[in-house]
């Protein structure tokens, strides 16, 4: 994947947060959170998990979980009340284990595959 393919709209906004887990001077897992509402999920201060990935050599070892949990707690401390994402079908169990819920039907993202919107409330309504 080229560097250009890794850039999302909003990556450079001052309200966007990028987290990474480093091992032996290599980034092995990342999570990017962009302040973005989702119309079907009312929230006061929502964020979208826009980039979540772990190096294939380190997948399944809990590093993605750690970087995501760190980001969720960071946002909760900033009074973020909702985090949502378009989750790949293969990642559904990962997000379910971390307390994310589903919203809406399965949909296709071109060249990537099946997804569902998933979300987690950080501050109860």
N, C-alpha and C. Protein backbone atom coordinates (compact mmCIF):
# COMPACT_ATOMS: atom_id res chain seq x y z
N UNK A 1 0.85 -1.18 0.00
CA UNK A 1 0.00 0.00 0.00
C UNK A 1 0.90 1.24 0.00
N UNK A 2 0.57 2.17 -0.88
CA UNK A 2 1.37 3.39 -0.96
C UNK A 2 1.02 4.34 0.18
N UNK A 3 1.89 5.29 0.43
CA UNK A 3 1.64 6.28 1.48
C UNK A 3 0.37 7.08 1.18
N UNK A 4 0.15 7.40 -0.09
CA UNK A 4 -1.04 8.16 -0.48
C UNK A 4 -2.33 7.41 -0.16
N UNK A 5 -2.31 6.08 -0.25
CA UNK A 5 -3.49 5.27 0.05
C UNK A 5 -3.80 5.23 1.55
N UNK A 6 -2.86 5.66 2.37
CA UNK A 6 -3.03 5.64 3.82
C UNK A 6 -3.56 6.96 4.38
N UNK A 7 -3.73 7.95 3.53
CA UNK A 7 -4.17 9.27 3.96
C UNK A 7 -5.69 9.36 3.88
N UNK A 8 -6.30 9.85 4.95
CA UNK A 8 -7.75 10.06 4.99
C UNK A 8 -8.07 11.54 5.07
N UNK A 9 -9.21 11.96 4.53
CA UNK A 9 -9.61 13.36 4.72
C UNK A 9 -9.73 13.65 6.22
N UNK A 10 -9.14 14.75 6.64
CA UNK A 10 -9.20 15.12 8.05
C UNK A 10 -7.99 14.69 8.86
N UNK A 11 -7.09 13.94 8.27
CA UNK A 11 -5.89 13.47 8.99
C UNK A 11 -5.07 14.61 9.59
N UNK A 12 -5.06 15.75 8.90
CA UNK A 12 -4.21 16.85 9.35
C UNK A 12 -4.94 17.91 10.17
N UNK A 13 -6.19 17.64 10.53
CA UNK A 13 -6.93 18.60 11.36
C UNK A 13 -6.39 18.59 12.79
N UNK A 14 -6.42 19.73 13.47
CA UNK A 14 -5.91 19.78 14.86
C UNK A 14 -6.76 18.96 15.83
N UNK A 15 -7.97 18.60 15.44
CA UNK A 15 -8.84 17.79 16.30
C UNK A 15 -8.68 16.30 16.07
N UNK A 16 -7.85 15.93 15.10
CA UNK A 16 -7.60 14.51 14.79
C UNK A 16 -6.47 14.00 15.66
N UNK A 17 -6.62 12.74 16.10
CA UNK A 17 -5.61 12.11 16.94
C UNK A 17 -5.11 10.84 16.28
N UNK A 18 -3.79 10.71 16.20
CA UNK A 18 -3.13 9.53 15.64
C UNK A 18 -2.36 8.86 16.77
N UNK A 19 -2.59 7.57 16.96
CA UNK A 19 -1.88 6.81 17.98
C UNK A 19 -1.17 5.65 17.30
N UNK A 20 0.01 5.35 17.81
CA UNK A 20 0.75 4.22 17.27
C UNK A 20 1.49 3.49 18.37
N UNK A 21 1.66 2.21 18.17
CA UNK A 21 2.42 1.38 19.10
C UNK A 21 3.72 1.03 18.40
N UNK A 22 4.83 1.30 19.08
CA UNK A 22 6.15 1.12 18.49
C UNK A 22 6.87 -0.04 19.19
N UNK A 23 7.50 -0.89 18.39
CA UNK A 23 8.30 -2.02 18.89
C UNK A 23 9.59 -2.05 18.09
N UNK A 24 10.73 -2.00 18.79
CA UNK A 24 12.04 -1.99 18.11
C UNK A 24 12.11 -0.91 17.03
N UNK A 25 11.66 0.30 17.37
CA UNK A 25 11.68 1.45 16.47
C UNK A 25 10.82 1.29 15.22
N UNK A 26 9.86 0.38 15.24
CA UNK A 26 8.93 0.19 14.13
C UNK A 26 7.52 0.40 14.63
N UNK A 27 6.71 1.10 13.85
CA UNK A 27 5.30 1.23 14.18
C UNK A 27 4.64 -0.10 13.82
N UNK A 28 4.01 -0.73 14.82
CA UNK A 28 3.41 -2.04 14.57
C UNK A 28 1.88 -2.02 14.62
N UNK A 29 1.30 -0.97 15.18
CA UNK A 29 -0.15 -0.86 15.23
C UNK A 29 -0.53 0.61 15.31
N UNK A 30 -1.61 0.97 14.60
CA UNK A 30 -2.04 2.37 14.57
C UNK A 30 -3.55 2.49 14.72
N UNK A 31 -3.98 3.65 15.19
CA UNK A 31 -5.40 4.00 15.24
C UNK A 31 -5.50 5.51 15.04
N UNK A 32 -6.38 5.93 14.16
CA UNK A 32 -6.63 7.35 13.90
C UNK A 32 -8.08 7.66 14.20
N UNK A 33 -8.29 8.73 14.95
CA UNK A 33 -9.63 9.17 15.34
C UNK A 33 -9.87 10.57 14.81
N UNK A 34 -10.94 10.73 14.03
CA UNK A 34 -11.29 12.01 13.41
C UNK A 34 -12.63 12.46 13.97
N UNK A 35 -12.71 13.70 14.41
CA UNK A 35 -13.97 14.23 14.94
C UNK A 35 -14.97 14.29 13.79
N UNK A 36 -15.99 13.43 13.87
CA UNK A 36 -16.96 13.34 12.78
C UNK A 36 -18.27 12.75 13.31
N UNK A 37 -19.37 13.44 13.12
CA UNK A 37 -20.65 12.89 13.56
C UNK A 37 -21.15 11.81 12.60
N UNK A 38 -22.10 11.02 13.09
CA UNK A 38 -22.81 10.05 12.27
C UNK A 38 -24.29 10.29 12.54
N UNK A 39 -25.03 10.69 11.52
CA UNK A 39 -26.41 11.17 11.68
C UNK A 39 -27.31 10.21 12.46
N UNK A 40 -27.12 8.93 12.28
CA UNK A 40 -27.99 7.95 12.93
C UNK A 40 -27.59 7.65 14.37
N UNK A 41 -26.50 8.23 14.83
CA UNK A 41 -26.04 8.01 16.19
C UNK A 41 -25.87 9.37 16.88
N UNK A 42 -26.92 9.87 17.52
CA UNK A 42 -26.82 11.17 18.17
C UNK A 42 -25.73 11.17 19.25
N UNK A 43 -24.94 12.23 19.25
CA UNK A 43 -23.86 12.36 20.22
C UNK A 43 -23.48 13.83 20.32
N UNK A 44 -22.93 14.20 21.45
CA UNK A 44 -22.50 15.57 21.67
C UNK A 44 -21.10 15.82 21.11
N UNK A 45 -20.21 14.83 21.26
CA UNK A 45 -18.80 14.99 20.87
C UNK A 45 -18.29 13.67 20.28
N UNK A 46 -18.76 13.33 19.06
CA UNK A 46 -18.42 12.05 18.45
C UNK A 46 -17.09 12.05 17.70
N UNK A 47 -16.49 10.89 17.65
CA UNK A 47 -15.27 10.67 16.85
C UNK A 47 -15.45 9.43 16.01
N UNK A 48 -14.81 9.44 14.86
CA UNK A 48 -14.81 8.27 13.98
C UNK A 48 -13.43 7.63 14.02
N UNK A 49 -13.41 6.34 14.24
CA UNK A 49 -12.16 5.57 14.10
C UNK A 49 -12.00 5.36 12.61
N UNK A 50 -11.04 6.04 12.03
CA UNK A 50 -10.92 6.05 10.57
C UNK A 50 -9.79 5.16 10.07
N UNK A 51 -8.78 4.98 10.87
CA UNK A 51 -7.67 4.14 10.47
C UNK A 51 -7.30 3.22 11.62
N UNK A 52 -7.36 1.94 11.38
CA UNK A 52 -7.00 0.95 12.41
C UNK A 52 -6.27 -0.16 11.69
N UNK A 53 -5.04 -0.42 12.10
CA UNK A 53 -4.28 -1.48 11.43
C UNK A 53 -3.13 -1.94 12.31
N UNK A 54 -2.75 -3.18 12.09
CA UNK A 54 -1.55 -3.73 12.73
C UNK A 54 -0.72 -4.42 11.66
N UNK A 55 0.57 -4.32 11.81
CA UNK A 55 1.50 -5.01 10.92
C UNK A 55 1.16 -6.51 10.95
N UNK A 56 1.10 -7.13 9.78
CA UNK A 56 0.72 -8.55 9.70
C UNK A 56 1.57 -9.44 10.60
N UNK A 57 2.82 -9.09 10.79
CA UNK A 57 3.70 -9.91 11.63
C UNK A 57 3.30 -9.88 13.10
N UNK A 58 2.50 -8.88 13.50
CA UNK A 58 2.15 -8.71 14.90
C UNK A 58 0.66 -8.88 15.17
N UNK A 59 -0.11 -9.23 14.14
CA UNK A 59 -1.55 -9.39 14.33
C UNK A 59 -1.84 -10.58 15.24
N UNK A 60 -2.93 -10.46 15.99
CA UNK A 60 -3.35 -11.53 16.88
C UNK A 60 -2.60 -11.61 18.19
N UNK A 61 -1.78 -10.59 18.47
CA UNK A 61 -0.97 -10.60 19.70
C UNK A 61 -1.43 -9.54 20.70
N UNK A 62 -2.53 -8.85 20.40
CA UNK A 62 -3.10 -7.90 21.34
C UNK A 62 -2.64 -6.46 21.17
N UNK A 63 -1.79 -6.20 20.19
CA UNK A 63 -1.28 -4.84 20.02
C UNK A 63 -2.35 -3.89 19.49
N UNK A 64 -3.16 -4.35 18.54
CA UNK A 64 -4.26 -3.53 18.04
C UNK A 64 -5.23 -3.19 19.16
N UNK A 65 -5.51 -4.17 19.99
CA UNK A 65 -6.40 -3.96 21.14
C UNK A 65 -5.84 -2.87 22.05
N UNK A 66 -4.55 -2.93 22.32
CA UNK A 66 -3.93 -1.96 23.23
C UNK A 66 -3.98 -0.54 22.67
N UNK A 67 -3.66 -0.38 21.41
CA UNK A 67 -3.66 0.97 20.84
C UNK A 67 -5.09 1.51 20.74
N UNK A 68 -6.05 0.65 20.44
CA UNK A 68 -7.44 1.09 20.38
C UNK A 68 -7.95 1.47 21.78
N UNK A 69 -7.68 0.64 22.77
CA UNK A 69 -8.12 0.96 24.14
C UNK A 69 -7.49 2.25 24.64
N UNK A 70 -6.23 2.48 24.31
CA UNK A 70 -5.56 3.72 24.70
C UNK A 70 -6.29 4.92 24.07
N UNK A 71 -6.59 4.82 22.77
CA UNK A 71 -7.27 5.90 22.08
C UNK A 71 -8.66 6.16 22.64
N UNK A 72 -9.40 5.10 22.94
CA UNK A 72 -10.74 5.26 23.51
C UNK A 72 -10.69 5.95 24.86
N UNK A 73 -9.75 5.58 25.70
CA UNK A 73 -9.63 6.21 27.01
C UNK A 73 -9.19 7.67 26.87
N UNK A 74 -8.27 7.93 25.97
CA UNK A 74 -7.83 9.30 25.70
C UNK A 74 -9.03 10.18 25.31
N UNK A 75 -9.86 9.67 24.39
CA UNK A 75 -11.02 10.42 23.94
C UNK A 75 -12.06 10.57 25.05
N UNK A 76 -12.27 9.52 25.83
CA UNK A 76 -13.23 9.60 26.93
C UNK A 76 -12.83 10.70 27.90
N UNK A 77 -11.53 10.82 28.17
CA UNK A 77 -11.05 11.87 29.08
C UNK A 77 -11.24 13.27 28.48
N UNK A 78 -11.40 13.35 27.19
CA UNK A 78 -11.67 14.64 26.53
C UNK A 78 -13.18 14.85 26.35
N UNK A 79 -13.98 14.01 27.00
CA UNK A 79 -15.45 14.07 26.97
C UNK A 79 -16.08 13.61 25.66
N UNK A 80 -15.35 12.84 24.87
CA UNK A 80 -15.95 12.20 23.70
C UNK A 80 -16.97 11.19 24.21
N UNK A 81 -18.17 11.24 23.65
CA UNK A 81 -19.22 10.34 24.14
C UNK A 81 -19.51 9.18 23.20
N UNK A 82 -18.97 9.21 21.97
CA UNK A 82 -19.26 8.16 21.00
C UNK A 82 -18.10 8.01 20.03
N UNK A 83 -17.74 6.76 19.76
CA UNK A 83 -16.77 6.44 18.70
C UNK A 83 -17.47 5.47 17.77
N UNK A 84 -17.37 5.73 16.46
CA UNK A 84 -17.98 4.85 15.47
C UNK A 84 -16.98 4.57 14.36
N UNK A 85 -17.26 3.52 13.60
CA UNK A 85 -16.37 3.17 12.49
C UNK A 85 -17.13 2.33 11.47
N UNK A 86 -16.57 2.23 10.29
CA UNK A 86 -17.01 1.26 9.29
C UNK A 86 -16.08 0.07 9.45
N UNK A 87 -16.59 -0.97 10.08
CA UNK A 87 -15.76 -2.14 10.41
C UNK A 87 -15.80 -3.17 9.30
N UNK A 88 -14.64 -3.68 8.95
CA UNK A 88 -14.58 -4.78 8.00
C UNK A 88 -15.19 -6.02 8.63
N UNK A 89 -15.80 -6.82 7.80
CA UNK A 89 -16.45 -8.04 8.29
C UNK A 89 -15.48 -8.91 9.08
N UNK A 90 -14.27 -9.02 8.62
CA UNK A 90 -13.28 -9.86 9.29
C UNK A 90 -12.94 -9.34 10.69
N UNK A 91 -13.18 -8.04 10.94
CA UNK A 91 -12.84 -7.44 12.24
C UNK A 91 -14.02 -7.38 13.21
N UNK A 92 -15.19 -7.87 12.81
CA UNK A 92 -16.36 -7.82 13.70
C UNK A 92 -16.06 -8.40 15.08
N UNK A 93 -15.47 -9.60 15.18
CA UNK A 93 -15.21 -10.17 16.52
C UNK A 93 -14.26 -9.30 17.36
N UNK A 94 -13.29 -8.68 16.72
CA UNK A 94 -12.34 -7.80 17.42
C UNK A 94 -13.10 -6.67 18.11
N UNK A 95 -13.96 -5.98 17.36
CA UNK A 95 -14.70 -4.86 17.92
C UNK A 95 -15.76 -5.31 18.92
N UNK A 96 -16.40 -6.44 18.66
CA UNK A 96 -17.39 -6.97 19.61
C UNK A 96 -16.76 -7.21 20.98
N UNK A 97 -15.58 -7.79 21.00
CA UNK A 97 -14.89 -8.08 22.28
C UNK A 97 -14.58 -6.80 23.06
N UNK A 98 -14.49 -5.68 22.35
CA UNK A 98 -14.18 -4.41 22.99
C UNK A 98 -15.45 -3.59 23.26
N UNK A 99 -16.61 -4.22 23.13
CA UNK A 99 -17.86 -3.57 23.51
C UNK A 99 -18.52 -2.74 22.44
N UNK A 100 -18.11 -2.87 21.19
CA UNK A 100 -18.76 -2.15 20.10
C UNK A 100 -20.06 -2.85 19.72
N UNK A 101 -21.03 -2.09 19.27
CA UNK A 101 -22.32 -2.59 18.80
C UNK A 101 -22.48 -2.30 17.31
N UNK A 102 -23.42 -3.00 16.69
CA UNK A 102 -23.70 -2.83 15.27
C UNK A 102 -24.82 -1.83 15.04
N UNK A 103 -24.77 -1.19 13.87
CA UNK A 103 -25.86 -0.33 13.44
C UNK A 103 -26.04 -0.52 11.94
N UNK A 104 -27.23 -0.93 11.54
CA UNK A 104 -27.55 -1.03 10.13
C UNK A 104 -27.07 -2.30 9.47
N UNK A 105 -27.36 -2.38 8.17
CA UNK A 105 -27.06 -3.59 7.40
C UNK A 105 -25.60 -3.65 6.93
N UNK A 106 -25.24 -4.81 6.46
CA UNK A 106 -23.94 -5.03 5.84
C UNK A 106 -23.90 -4.23 4.53
N UNK A 107 -22.76 -3.60 4.23
CA UNK A 107 -22.62 -2.86 2.98
C UNK A 107 -21.22 -3.10 2.43
N UNK A 108 -21.07 -2.84 1.16
CA UNK A 108 -19.82 -3.11 0.45
C UNK A 108 -19.05 -1.82 0.23
N UNK A 109 -17.76 -1.83 0.53
CA UNK A 109 -16.88 -0.73 0.16
C UNK A 109 -16.01 -1.25 -0.98
N UNK A 110 -16.09 -0.55 -2.11
CA UNK A 110 -15.40 -0.97 -3.33
C UNK A 110 -13.92 -1.27 -3.08
N UNK A 111 -13.48 -2.37 -3.59
CA UNK A 111 -12.09 -2.83 -3.53
C UNK A 111 -11.63 -3.21 -2.11
N UNK A 112 -12.55 -3.16 -1.13
CA UNK A 112 -12.16 -3.52 0.24
C UNK A 112 -12.99 -4.69 0.75
N UNK A 113 -14.33 -4.61 0.55
CA UNK A 113 -15.18 -5.72 0.96
C UNK A 113 -16.31 -5.32 1.87
N UNK A 114 -16.98 -6.33 2.48
CA UNK A 114 -18.15 -6.09 3.32
C UNK A 114 -17.80 -5.39 4.63
N UNK A 115 -18.69 -4.47 5.05
CA UNK A 115 -18.53 -3.69 6.28
C UNK A 115 -19.88 -3.52 6.97
N UNK A 116 -19.80 -3.13 8.23
CA UNK A 116 -20.96 -2.68 8.99
C UNK A 116 -20.51 -1.50 9.83
N UNK A 117 -21.44 -0.59 10.09
CA UNK A 117 -21.14 0.47 11.05
C UNK A 117 -21.15 -0.15 12.43
N UNK A 118 -20.12 0.15 13.21
CA UNK A 118 -20.05 -0.29 14.60
C UNK A 118 -19.76 0.94 15.45
N UNK A 119 -20.21 0.90 16.69
CA UNK A 119 -20.03 2.06 17.55
C UNK A 119 -19.90 1.64 19.01
N UNK A 120 -19.35 2.57 19.78
CA UNK A 120 -19.22 2.37 21.22
C UNK A 120 -19.49 3.70 21.91
N UNK A 121 -20.38 3.67 22.86
CA UNK A 121 -20.63 4.86 23.68
C UNK A 121 -19.60 4.89 24.80
N UNK A 122 -18.89 6.00 24.91
CA UNK A 122 -17.85 6.14 25.94
C UNK A 122 -18.41 6.76 27.21
N UNK A 123 -19.46 7.55 27.05
CA UNK A 123 -20.13 8.18 28.19
C UNK A 123 -21.61 7.82 28.03
N UNK A 124 -22.19 7.12 29.00
CA UNK A 124 -23.59 6.71 28.85
C UNK A 124 -24.52 7.90 28.66
N UNK A 125 -25.54 7.70 27.87
CA UNK A 125 -26.54 8.75 27.61
C UNK A 125 -27.55 8.79 28.72
